[in-house]
Each structure stands twice: as C-alpha cells, then as structure tokens.
Amino acid sequence: MKLLVTGGAGFIGSNFVRYWLTDHPDDEVVTLDLLTYAGVRGNVEELADHPRHRFCQGDICDDAAIRQAMQGCDVVANFAAETHVDRSITNATPFIRTNVEGTQTILRGALELRVKRVIHISTDEVYGPILRGAHAETAALNPRSPYAASKAASDLLVHAYRETYGLSAIIVRPTNAFGPRQFPEKFIALCITNALEDEPIPIYGDGLQRRNWLFVEDLCRAIELILEQGQDGTIYNVGSSWELTNLEVAKTVLRLLEKPERLLQFVPDRPGHDRRYAMASARLSQLGWRPSTTFDEGLRATIAWYRDHPTWWQPLKAKLREDPYHWLNRTLGSSPRQTAGAVL
C-alpha cells in the first residue's frame, strides 16, 4: 500500500509517518508539508534516505502539488492543519484557508485520482465544551473558536464529498495529544521547555480548565486501526481516561523536573475559553483499541525527549521570542528572553 500523509512534518503527522514505516515494512509513504512555522524540516530530514519514504514540500491548497504527491497513492491521511486556538483568535484567515480550502483541495484530488480512502484528522474541539459526561460521535457540533469552526467546516466537507460523490472517507476526532516533536507553543511542550530554561509557565485564568490527554503513539495506533478496520463514512472519537486540569499538568511537569512552582504565572483568560472537553470512544473500543501508555508514562517519556533534544526545540522557541506581536509576548509583557507559548 502507498500512503500520502499531508502535514507529515508536523507533530502528529511526523510521528505517524515514523510509526507506519516501522510497522508496515511493505508500504510506501509520501509526506506532503508546506513547512510553515509548525512544520519542522528536522522531522523529515532524518527520513531523507529511507527507501520507502518520499518528501514533497507543497501547499495543500495547491491543486498541482496535491495531484503530484497523491499520484499512485491508495490512502490519504490528512493531518495538515492550522491548530493553535490563540493564533486563530488573532487572525482566522490562515485557518479558513488551510483547514477549509485545503481540505477541499485534498478531497477533490482524491476523487479525481480514485484514492481508495481518505482519513481526515479532526479535533474534539468541534463539539465544544461539556461540563459533565462525554460527547459521543453523534453529538451536535458547537465550535466556539475560529480554529474549531474551521475544523468543523472541514469535517462537513468530508461528509459532503462522501454523500455527494461517494468518496470513501472516515473522520477521526482525537483528544489532546502530546509527545515528542510537538511544537513548543503547545501546552505540555511549552511547560517542559519553559521549565527546562527556568522561564515562567503561563496559566490562563484559574488554570482549572479540564482536558483529556493521550500519548501520541497511542493515537497513531488508533489511526492505524481505523484506517485498516474502520467503517466507511463513520466518525471515530479517540479519547482517553486521563483527565486533568491545566494547573495539574503544569505542576506535574514541574515536579518531574524538580522545578519550583513559583515558575507558574497566571495570566488573563482568553476569549471564549472552553472549560472542559471530554469524548466517549465506544466505536473505537469496539474495534479493540485501548490506550497502552498512561499519562505519567507518556509525560516522563516526553520530558526525556525534550531534555535530550534541545537542538530541535531551542531554535523554534528563539523564533517565537523574536516576534513582538506573538500573543503570549503581549500577554506576559515579556522581555526578549521570554518565550512565547500556548495555554489550552
């Protein structure tokens, strides 16, 4: 089988590419990525000589780039997206372009080139907040940020292409993933890298927003199972049982790194900040999936990776520090030493 992985230089995409090449020795993988700020060239450079991997730098909104990369592929796994909520609040335009127009370009190409299946990676944020219980896949969409709205729109496009044109497609809605190679403005990566450099860790509001967390390798296993055994036209939630507040996560990182809690810095809450997300994963469980890595195990492994790979993340944070208009630099009133980041 030959797969096209869009957004394969990003966090989840690059981990999935490595996972697939390791576990499927007869398959080929084509990675397409524009290498924007969050698409890290280093995530694909070490695969440059891999005999079953080919990297294409290109824009998912570019029909020619999509057709060239997709030629001969059996399956498309679409990880490409703008994903940072705070950036979407500052400027929603790139989110509409990449997440909506880009998805439509991928779907059009898959239809024309007769791709056998499209796996579209979405997010739990399309459901909006839920204070008790958990959202099933049948829950109504209630996005409350430009990012979430753009992902909900892309999900509806995938559904429409299946219903209208008969394109084989599945939507995957994961909870918050974490692990190696996550861009250091994302919450857990931010907590770890700031703590390693003894810099403040920003906490929105009271820090009691609740999220579920899933180690990225377990997410890759879930997507693999859905790709191979999932029912066409179905939505699959990928949740976890590890629900923590943002404050609990940050304090756990500090404890594991033996850093003081005085590094925590409370900042004004962001507009429309959802209090809690939670999803039920009954459909995926029926296929036999369970997460195998606990939150503590995954967090320890993630901390070890960032500690061992400063040359990967330090240049990325340096670029964020240089941007005086980055949302966190404005929030913290930071000096050039202060890093930019994200809080869920």
Protein backbone atom coordinates (compact mmCIF):
# COMPACT_ATOMS: atom_id res chain seq x y z
CA MET A 1 0.00 0.00 0.00
CA LYS A 2 1.08 3.57 -0.66
CA LEU A 3 0.02 6.37 1.70
CA LEU A 4 0.05 10.12 1.33
CA VAL A 5 0.42 11.86 4.69
CA THR A 6 -0.36 15.57 4.46
CA GLY A 7 1.09 17.67 7.25
CA GLY A 8 3.66 14.93 7.79
CA ALA A 9 6.33 17.31 9.10
CA GLY A 10 4.10 18.40 11.97
CA PHE A 11 3.74 16.83 15.39
CA ILE A 12 1.17 14.06 14.95
CA GLY A 13 1.89 13.64 11.24
CA SER A 14 5.62 13.06 11.68
CA ASN A 15 5.03 10.59 14.50
CA PHE A 16 2.51 8.75 12.32
CA VAL A 17 4.91 8.59 9.35
CA ARG A 18 7.60 7.01 11.54
CA TYR A 19 5.09 4.64 13.11
CA TRP A 20 3.78 3.46 9.75
CA LEU A 21 7.19 2.96 8.15
CA THR A 22 8.29 0.88 11.16
CA ASP A 23 5.17 -1.27 11.49
CA HIS A 24 4.40 -1.72 7.78
CA PRO A 25 7.65 -2.78 6.08
CA ASP A 26 6.00 -3.37 2.71
CA ASP A 27 4.31 0.03 2.44
CA GLU A 28 5.47 3.32 0.96
CA VAL A 29 4.79 6.75 2.46
CA VAL A 30 4.73 10.13 0.71
CA THR A 31 4.87 13.14 3.04
CA LEU A 32 3.49 16.47 1.86
CA ASP A 33 4.12 19.55 4.00
CA LEU A 34 4.48 23.26 3.31
CA LEU A 35 6.95 23.62 6.20
CA THR A 36 5.28 26.62 7.78
CA TYR A 37 6.29 27.68 11.29
CA ALA A 38 4.97 24.46 12.86
CA GLY A 39 6.10 22.11 10.09
CA VAL A 40 9.63 21.30 11.19
CA ARG A 41 12.12 20.31 8.50
CA GLY A 42 14.09 18.31 11.04
CA ASN A 43 11.12 15.99 11.44
CA VAL A 44 11.56 14.73 7.88
CA GLU A 45 15.28 15.26 7.20
CA GLU A 46 16.27 12.10 9.03
CA LEU A 47 13.98 10.15 6.69
CA ALA A 48 15.65 11.58 3.58
CA ASP A 49 17.45 8.32 2.78
CA HIS A 50 14.64 6.00 3.75
CA PRO A 51 13.95 3.75 0.73
CA ARG A 52 10.18 3.74 1.26
CA HIS A 53 9.66 7.42 2.05
CA ARG A 54 9.45 10.47 -0.20
CA PHE A 55 9.07 14.06 0.97
CA CYS A 56 7.31 16.73 -1.09
CA GLN A 57 7.27 20.35 0.00
CA GLY A 58 3.98 21.84 -1.08
CA ASP A 59 0.74 23.57 -0.16
CA ILE A 60 -2.43 21.51 0.31
CA CYS A 61 -4.34 24.40 -1.27
CA ASP A 62 -2.33 23.92 -4.48
CA ASP A 63 -4.10 21.53 -6.86
CA ALA A 64 -0.89 20.74 -8.75
CA ALA A 65 1.03 19.93 -5.57
CA ILE A 66 -1.77 17.70 -4.34
CA ARG A 67 -2.04 15.78 -7.60
CA GLN A 68 1.71 15.29 -7.84
CA ALA A 69 2.04 13.99 -4.29
CA MET A 70 -1.16 11.91 -4.45
CA GLN A 71 -0.36 10.14 -7.72
CA GLY A 72 -0.48 6.38 -7.22
CA CYS A 73 -1.49 6.58 -3.55
CA ASP A 74 -4.09 4.21 -2.14
CA VAL A 75 -4.85 6.15 1.06
CA VAL A 76 -4.61 9.79 2.11
CA ALA A 77 -4.21 10.64 5.81
CA ASN A 78 -4.86 14.36 6.19
CA PHE A 79 -3.05 15.77 9.23
CA ALA A 80 -2.37 19.17 7.63
CA ALA A 81 -3.99 21.99 9.60
CA GLU A 82 -3.56 25.23 11.43
CA THR A 83 -4.22 24.14 15.01
CA HIS A 84 -3.36 26.88 17.50
CA VAL A 85 -6.51 28.38 19.04
CA ASP A 86 -4.84 31.61 20.16
CA ARG A 87 -3.44 32.26 16.70
CA SER A 88 -6.94 31.76 15.26
CA ILE A 89 -8.30 34.38 17.64
CA THR A 90 -5.66 36.84 16.46
CA ASN A 91 -6.14 36.06 12.76
CA ALA A 92 -8.63 33.49 11.49
CA THR A 93 -7.76 33.83 7.79
CA PRO A 94 -4.96 31.21 7.64
CA PHE A 95 -7.23 28.74 9.44
CA ILE A 96 -10.01 29.14 6.89
CA ARG A 97 -7.55 28.79 4.03
CA THR A 98 -5.67 25.73 5.28
CA ASN A 99 -8.36 23.87 7.20
CA VAL A 100 -11.28 24.51 4.85
CA GLU A 101 -9.89 25.31 1.39
CA GLY A 102 -7.00 22.89 1.85
CA THR A 103 -9.31 20.06 2.84
CA GLN A 104 -11.49 20.73 -0.18
CA THR A 105 -8.45 20.59 -2.47
CA ILE A 106 -7.41 17.25 -0.97
CA LEU A 107 -10.91 15.82 -1.37
CA ARG A 108 -11.13 16.99 -4.98
CA GLY A 109 -7.79 15.40 -5.78
CA ALA A 110 -8.68 12.15 -4.03
CA LEU A 111 -11.91 11.94 -6.02
CA GLU A 112 -10.22 12.61 -9.36
CA LEU A 113 -7.32 10.21 -8.71
CA ARG A 114 -9.62 7.50 -7.35
CA VAL A 115 -7.96 7.21 -3.96
CA LYS A 116 -9.39 4.25 -2.07
CA ARG A 117 -9.81 6.01 1.28
CA VAL A 118 -9.32 9.40 2.97
CA ILE A 119 -8.65 9.56 6.71
CA HIS A 120 -9.36 13.09 7.91
CA ILE A 121 -7.89 14.08 11.27
CA SER A 122 -10.18 16.46 13.14
CA THR A 123 -10.37 17.51 16.82
CA ASP A 124 -12.53 17.17 19.93
CA GLU A 125 -12.94 20.96 19.89
CA VAL A 126 -15.62 20.75 17.18
CA TYR A 127 -18.04 19.54 19.88
CA GLY A 128 -17.43 22.49 22.15
CA PRO A 129 -17.41 22.26 25.94
CA ILE A 130 -19.23 19.70 28.07
CA LEU A 131 -19.36 20.14 31.85
CA ARG A 132 -20.48 16.58 32.66
CA GLY A 133 -20.28 13.30 30.81
CA ALA A 134 -18.67 12.91 27.40
CA HIS A 135 -19.55 13.64 23.79
CA ALA A 136 -20.40 10.71 21.54
CA GLU A 137 -19.78 10.93 17.80
CA THR A 138 -23.47 11.76 17.31
CA ALA A 139 -23.22 14.95 19.39
CA ALA A 140 -24.04 18.25 17.69
CA LEU A 141 -21.18 20.44 16.56
CA ASN A 142 -20.70 23.51 18.72
CA PRO A 143 -17.33 25.11 17.86
CA ARG A 144 -16.50 28.21 19.91
CA SER A 145 -13.24 29.43 18.39
CA PRO A 146 -12.25 30.25 14.80
CA TYR A 147 -9.94 27.23 14.88
CA ALA A 148 -12.70 24.86 15.99
CA ALA A 149 -15.13 26.35 13.48
CA SER A 150 -12.66 25.81 10.63
CA LYS A 151 -12.19 22.18 11.65
CA ALA A 152 -15.95 21.64 11.93
CA ALA A 153 -16.32 23.08 8.42
CA SER A 154 -13.67 20.71 7.10
CA ASP A 155 -15.47 17.75 8.72
CA LEU A 156 -18.68 18.76 6.98
CA LEU A 157 -16.85 18.96 3.66
CA VAL A 158 -15.56 15.42 4.13
CA HIS A 159 -19.09 14.25 4.91
CA ALA A 160 -20.46 16.07 1.87
CA TYR A 161 -17.90 14.53 -0.51
CA ARG A 162 -18.83 11.08 0.70
CA GLU A 163 -22.56 11.68 0.44
CA THR A 164 -22.46 13.56 -2.87
CA TYR A 165 -19.64 11.84 -4.75
CA GLY A 166 -19.26 8.52 -2.98
CA LEU A 167 -15.71 9.24 -1.83
CA SER A 168 -14.60 6.73 0.79
CA ALA A 169 -13.74 8.77 3.88
CA ILE A 170 -13.51 8.49 7.67
CA ILE A 171 -13.27 11.33 10.21
CA VAL A 172 -11.07 10.90 13.29
CA ARG A 173 -11.57 13.24 16.26
CA PRO A 174 -8.72 12.88 18.78
CA THR A 175 -8.43 14.35 22.23
CA ASN A 176 -5.34 16.39 23.16
CA ALA A 177 -2.22 14.50 22.09
CA PHE A 178 1.25 15.02 23.50
CA GLY A 179 4.70 13.54 23.00
CA PRO A 180 8.00 14.07 21.18
CA ARG A 181 8.31 16.62 18.37
CA GLN A 182 5.36 18.75 19.47
CA PHE A 183 5.81 22.42 18.58
CA PRO A 184 6.86 24.28 21.76
CA GLU A 185 3.94 26.69 21.84
CA LYS A 186 1.60 23.77 22.65
CA PHE A 187 0.81 23.41 26.33
CA ILE A 188 2.76 20.37 27.53
CA ALA A 189 5.70 21.11 25.24
CA LEU A 190 5.63 24.72 26.48
CA CYS A 191 5.55 23.64 30.13
CA ILE A 192 8.50 21.30 29.64
CA THR A 193 10.71 23.62 27.61
CA ASN A 194 9.98 26.67 29.77
CA ALA A 195 10.75 24.68 32.91
CA LEU A 196 13.99 23.39 31.40
CA GLU A 197 15.03 27.02 30.84
CA ASP A 198 13.63 28.25 34.18
CA GLU A 199 11.16 30.52 32.43
CA PRO A 200 7.58 31.31 33.56
CA ILE A 201 4.82 28.90 32.61
CA PRO A 202 1.69 30.90 31.72
CA ILE A 203 -1.62 29.61 33.10
CA TYR A 204 -4.86 31.06 31.76
CA GLY A 205 -7.38 32.26 34.35
CA ASP A 206 -7.58 29.94 37.34
CA GLY A 207 -5.98 27.03 35.46
CA LEU A 208 -8.93 24.73 36.18
CA GLN A 209 -9.87 24.08 32.55
CA ARG A 210 -10.07 20.30 32.14
CA ARG A 211 -8.71 18.27 29.23
CA ASN A 212 -8.11 14.61 28.40
CA TRP A 213 -4.59 13.66 27.35
CA LEU A 214 -3.35 10.91 25.04
CA PHE A 215 0.23 9.91 24.24
CA VAL A 216 0.90 10.37 20.53
CA GLU A 217 1.96 6.77 19.93
CA ASP A 218 -1.43 5.55 21.17
CA LEU A 219 -3.09 7.98 18.78
CA CYS A 220 -1.02 6.60 15.91
CA ARG A 221 -2.17 3.08 16.81
CA ALA A 222 -5.78 4.28 16.85
CA ILE A 223 -5.48 5.87 13.42
CA GLU A 224 -3.83 2.71 12.08
CA LEU A 225 -6.72 0.60 13.35
CA ILE A 226 -9.31 2.99 11.92
CA LEU A 227 -7.53 3.06 8.55
CA GLU A 228 -7.46 -0.73 8.37
CA GLN A 229 -10.76 -1.71 10.02
CA GLY A 230 -12.87 1.44 10.29
CA GLN A 231 -16.26 1.62 8.64
CA ASP A 232 -16.53 3.94 5.66
CA GLY A 233 -18.38 7.19 6.36
CA THR A 234 -18.01 6.84 10.13
CA ILE A 235 -16.71 9.30 12.72
CA TYR A 236 -14.41 7.90 15.40
CA ASN A 237 -13.59 9.68 18.64
CA VAL A 238 -10.16 8.94 20.12
CA GLY A 239 -10.39 9.82 23.80
CA SER A 240 -8.63 8.81 26.99
CA SER A 241 -9.35 8.38 30.68
CA TRP A 242 -6.62 10.78 31.83
CA GLU A 243 -8.49 13.99 32.59
CA LEU A 244 -6.53 16.75 34.33
CA THR A 245 -6.74 20.48 34.80
CA ASN A 246 -4.15 22.64 33.09
CA LEU A 247 -2.81 23.55 36.52
CA GLU A 248 -2.39 19.87 37.44
CA VAL A 249 -0.49 19.22 34.22
CA ALA A 250 1.86 22.16 34.77
CA LYS A 251 2.51 21.21 38.39
CA THR A 252 3.23 17.61 37.38
CA VAL A 253 5.80 18.77 34.83
CA LEU A 254 7.49 20.95 37.45
CA ARG A 255 7.52 18.09 39.95
CA LEU A 256 9.09 15.64 37.49
CA LEU A 257 11.72 18.20 36.52
CA GLU A 258 12.27 19.17 40.16
CA LYS A 259 11.49 22.80 39.42
CA PRO A 260 9.75 25.26 41.78
CA GLU A 261 6.06 26.12 41.45
CA ARG A 262 6.97 29.81 41.51
CA LEU A 263 7.54 29.38 37.75
CA LEU A 264 3.74 29.25 37.34
CA GLN A 265 2.43 32.62 36.13
CA PHE A 266 -1.31 33.23 35.98
CA VAL A 267 -2.42 35.41 33.05
CA PRO A 268 -5.83 36.80 31.99
CA ASP A 269 -8.10 34.17 30.49
CA ARG A 270 -8.56 34.12 26.74
CA PRO A 271 -11.88 34.92 24.99
CA GLY A 272 -14.31 32.01 24.71
CA HIS A 273 -12.10 29.62 26.66
CA ASP A 274 -13.89 26.25 26.89
CA ARG A 275 -13.98 24.90 30.44
CA ARG A 276 -13.93 21.17 29.72
CA TYR A 277 -13.70 18.75 26.81
CA ALA A 278 -14.49 15.04 27.02
CA MET A 279 -15.31 12.36 24.45
CA ALA A 280 -16.54 8.78 24.56
CA SER A 281 -14.64 6.36 22.29
CA ALA A 282 -17.14 3.47 22.17
CA ARG A 283 -16.85 2.97 18.41
CA LEU A 284 -13.09 2.71 18.55
CA SER A 285 -13.24 0.45 21.60
CA GLN A 286 -15.44 -1.93 19.62
CA LEU A 287 -12.54 -2.30 17.17
CA GLY A 288 -10.34 -3.42 20.06
CA TRP A 289 -8.37 -0.22 20.78
CA ARG A 290 -7.27 0.83 24.23
CA PRO A 291 -4.53 3.32 25.11
CA SER A 292 -1.47 1.45 26.35
CA THR A 293 0.57 4.37 27.72
CA THR A 294 -0.53 6.05 30.94
CA PHE A 295 -0.36 9.81 31.24
CA ASP A 296 2.53 9.53 33.69
CA GLU A 297 4.49 7.17 31.43
CA GLY A 298 3.90 9.35 28.39
CA LEU A 299 4.82 12.52 30.22
CA ARG A 300 8.07 11.04 31.51
CA ALA A 301 8.98 9.87 28.00
CA THR A 302 8.12 13.28 26.56
CA ILE A 303 10.20 15.13 29.16
CA ALA A 304 13.14 12.83 28.44
CA TRP A 305 12.87 13.52 24.71
CA TYR A 306 12.86 17.31 25.13
CA ARG A 307 15.71 17.13 27.62
CA ASP A 308 17.74 15.09 25.12
CA HIS A 309 16.90 17.18 22.03
CA PRO A 310 17.50 20.88 22.85
CA THR A 311 18.86 21.50 19.35
CA TRP A 312 15.41 20.59 17.99
CA TRP A 313 13.29 22.93 20.13
CA GLN A 314 15.58 25.81 21.14
CA PRO A 315 15.75 27.36 17.62
CA LEU A 316 11.96 27.15 17.36
CA LYS A 317 11.50 29.00 20.64
CA ALA A 318 14.08 31.58 19.62
CA LYS A 319 11.92 32.48 16.62
CA LEU A 320 8.86 32.85 18.85
CA ARG A 321 10.78 35.12 21.21
CA GLU A 322 11.69 37.41 18.31
CA ASP A 323 8.03 38.06 17.43
CA PRO A 324 6.82 41.05 19.50
CA TYR A 325 3.29 40.51 18.17
CA HIS A 326 3.02 36.92 19.29
CA TRP A 327 0.03 36.62 21.63
CA LEU A 328 1.94 35.39 24.67
CA ASN A 329 4.66 38.02 24.46
CA ARG A 330 1.90 40.60 24.68
CA THR A 331 0.08 38.74 27.48
CA LEU A 332 3.12 38.39 29.71
CA GLY A 333 4.66 41.71 28.74
CA SER A 334 7.81 39.74 28.18
CA SER A 335 11.36 40.72 27.52
CA PRO A 336 13.20 39.27 24.51
CA ARG A 337 14.25 36.38 26.82
CA GLN A 338 10.64 35.48 27.49
CA THR A 339 9.34 32.66 25.38
CA ALA A 340 6.05 32.51 23.53
CA GLY A 341 3.66 29.68 24.03
CA ALA A 342 0.13 28.41 24.33
CA VAL A 343 -2.22 27.52 27.13
CA LEU A 344 -5.19 25.27 26.50
